[in-house]
Amino acid sequence: MSLPSRGEIELGRRIQQARMGVNLTQRQLSSELGILQKWISGIENGQHHHYKDFVKRICEALGVERDDEWVESPTRPVDGDDS
């Protein structure tokens, strides 16, 4: 398994914040989207790749406006070394 990119981690963080902002649990959001709760967890932790159409569905379910910044992600993995 490859390390998540900075963009994947940031996207997961934004999704988690938006979900918590509307007082939904991962289980409630996953049920609304028709997916397993572990996928929401993986997305929020940057462990699953994010596809634009899926991010759009999540944003719609959370009632947040998605912009391209939400889905852009650098390809460089986060490895603790910026050199």
C-alpha atoms as a PDB file:
ATOM      1  CA  MET A   1       0.000   0.000   0.000  1.00  0.00           C
ATOM      2  CA  SER A   2       1.397   3.386  -0.944  1.00  0.00           C
ATOM      3  CA  LEU A   3       1.515   6.335   1.412  1.00  0.00           C
ATOM      4  CA  PRO A   4      -1.277   8.885   0.989  1.00  0.00           C
ATOM      5  CA  SER A   5      -0.442  12.147  -0.725  1.00  0.00           C
ATOM      6  CA  ARG A   6      -0.719  15.466   1.065  1.00  0.00           C
ATOM      7  CA  GLY A   7      -3.820  16.201  -1.000  1.00  0.00           C
ATOM      8  CA  GLU A   8      -5.497  12.937   0.024  1.00  0.00           C
ATOM      9  CA  ILE A   9      -4.829  13.668   3.682  1.00  0.00           C
ATOM     10  CA  GLU A  10      -6.122  17.238   3.370  1.00  0.00           C
ATOM     11  CA  LEU A  11      -9.212  16.114   1.473  1.00  0.00           C
ATOM     12  CA  GLY A  12      -9.966  13.511   4.119  1.00  0.00           C
ATOM     13  CA  ARG A  13      -9.574  16.129   6.844  1.00  0.00           C
ATOM     14  CA  ARG A  14     -11.955  18.495   5.048  1.00  0.00           C
ATOM     15  CA  ILE A  15     -14.531  15.762   4.559  1.00  0.00           C
ATOM     16  CA  GLN A  16     -14.296  14.800   8.229  1.00  0.00           C
ATOM     17  CA  GLN A  17     -14.722  18.417   9.333  1.00  0.00           C
ATOM     18  CA  ALA A  18     -17.725  18.881   7.049  1.00  0.00           C
ATOM     19  CA  ARG A  19     -19.294  15.635   8.268  1.00  0.00           C
ATOM     20  CA  MET A  20     -18.820  16.580  11.889  1.00  0.00           C
ATOM     21  CA  GLY A  21     -20.106  20.081  11.146  1.00  0.00           C
ATOM     22  CA  VAL A  22     -23.484  18.659  10.193  1.00  0.00           C
ATOM     23  CA  ASN A  23     -23.473  16.232  13.139  1.00  0.00           C
ATOM     24  CA  LEU A  24     -23.315  13.043  11.084  1.00  0.00           C
ATOM     25  CA  THR A  25     -21.478   9.921  12.142  1.00  0.00           C
ATOM     26  CA  GLN A  26     -19.433   7.963   9.641  1.00  0.00           C
ATOM     27  CA  ARG A  27     -22.111   5.265   9.811  1.00  0.00           C
ATOM     28  CA  GLN A  28     -24.902   7.749   9.023  1.00  0.00           C
ATOM     29  CA  LEU A  29     -22.982   9.214   6.067  1.00  0.00           C
ATOM     30  CA  SER A  30     -22.066   5.794   4.719  1.00  0.00           C
ATOM     31  CA  SER A  31     -25.692   4.700   4.962  1.00  0.00           C
ATOM     32  CA  GLU A  32     -26.828   7.794   3.076  1.00  0.00           C
ATOM     33  CA  LEU A  33     -24.256   7.107   0.353  1.00  0.00           C
ATOM     34  CA  GLY A  34     -24.883   3.362   0.242  1.00  0.00           C
ATOM     35  CA  ILE A  35     -21.310   2.400   1.083  1.00  0.00           C
ATOM     36  CA  LEU A  36     -19.545   0.711   3.991  1.00  0.00           C
ATOM     37  CA  GLN A  37     -18.558   2.812   7.010  1.00  0.00           C
ATOM     38  CA  LYS A  38     -14.960   1.617   6.672  1.00  0.00           C
ATOM     39  CA  TRP A  39     -14.753   3.448   3.324  1.00  0.00           C
ATOM     40  CA  ILE A  40     -15.669   6.747   4.965  1.00  0.00           C
ATOM     41  CA  SER A  41     -13.062   6.070   7.634  1.00  0.00           C
ATOM     42  CA  GLY A  42     -10.459   5.256   4.994  1.00  0.00           C
ATOM     43  CA  ILE A  43     -11.273   8.383   2.997  1.00  0.00           C
ATOM     44  CA  GLU A  44     -11.055  10.574   6.090  1.00  0.00           C
ATOM     45  CA  ASN A  45      -7.688   9.015   6.950  1.00  0.00           C
ATOM     46  CA  GLY A  46      -6.309   9.397   3.418  1.00  0.00           C
ATOM     47  CA  GLN A  47      -6.136   5.631   2.928  1.00  0.00           C
ATOM     48  CA  HIS A  48      -8.527   5.393  -0.024  1.00  0.00           C
ATOM     49  CA  HIS A  49      -8.095   7.182  -3.316  1.00  0.00           C
ATOM     50  CA  HIS A  50     -10.698   9.833  -4.005  1.00  0.00           C
ATOM     51  CA  TYR A  51     -12.478  10.041  -7.304  1.00  0.00           C
ATOM     52  CA  LYS A  52     -14.055  13.312  -8.376  1.00  0.00           C
ATOM     53  CA  ASP A  53     -17.548  11.867  -8.787  1.00  0.00           C
ATOM     54  CA  PHE A  54     -17.412  10.197  -5.376  1.00  0.00           C
ATOM     55  CA  VAL A  55     -16.192  13.371  -3.671  1.00  0.00           C
ATOM     56  CA  LYS A  56     -19.072  15.183  -5.357  1.00  0.00           C
ATOM     57  CA  ARG A  57     -21.538  12.682  -3.843  1.00  0.00           C
ATOM     58  CA  ILE A  58     -20.005  13.124  -0.392  1.00  0.00           C
ATOM     59  CA  CYS A  59     -20.154  16.927  -0.652  1.00  0.00           C
ATOM     60  CA  GLU A  60     -23.775  16.793  -1.795  1.00  0.00           C
ATOM     61  CA  ALA A  61     -24.675  14.514   1.120  1.00  0.00           C
ATOM     62  CA  LEU A  62     -22.956  16.909   3.535  1.00  0.00           C
ATOM     63  CA  GLY A  63     -24.489  19.999   1.949  1.00  0.00           C
ATOM     64  CA  VAL A  64     -21.130  21.599   1.213  1.00  0.00           C
ATOM     65  CA  GLU A  65     -20.004  23.180  -2.013  1.00  0.00           C
ATOM     66  CA  ARG A  66     -17.101  21.389  -3.627  1.00  0.00           C
ATOM     67  CA  ASP A  67     -14.508  23.246  -5.607  1.00  0.00           C
ATOM     68  CA  ASP A  68     -11.611  21.858  -7.606  1.00  0.00           C
ATOM     69  CA  GLU A  69      -9.314  22.469  -4.652  1.00  0.00           C
ATOM     70  CA  TRP A  70     -11.111  19.654  -2.827  1.00  0.00           C
ATOM     71  CA  VAL A  71     -10.074  17.080  -5.413  1.00  0.00           C
ATOM     72  CA  GLU A  72      -6.651  18.261  -6.499  1.00  0.00           C
ATOM     73  CA  SER A  73      -3.960  16.222  -4.821  1.00  0.00           C
ATOM     74  CA  PRO A  74      -0.212  16.223  -5.255  1.00  0.00           C
ATOM     75  CA  THR A  75       1.241  12.864  -6.182  1.00  0.00           C
ATOM     76  CA  ARG A  76       4.156  13.088  -3.742  1.00  0.00           C
ATOM     77  CA  PRO A  77       3.481  10.868  -0.712  1.00  0.00           C
ATOM     78  CA  VAL A  78       3.710  12.183   2.804  1.00  0.00           C
ATOM     79  CA  ASP A  79       6.791  10.576   4.236  1.00  0.00           C
ATOM     80  CA  GLY A  80       7.996  13.099   6.758  1.00  0.00           C
ATOM     81  CA  ASP A  81      10.856  14.229   4.552  1.00  0.00           C
ATOM     82  CA  ASP A  82      10.513  17.453   2.621  1.00  0.00           C
ATOM     83  CA  SER A  83      13.913  17.275   0.950  1.00  0.00           C
END
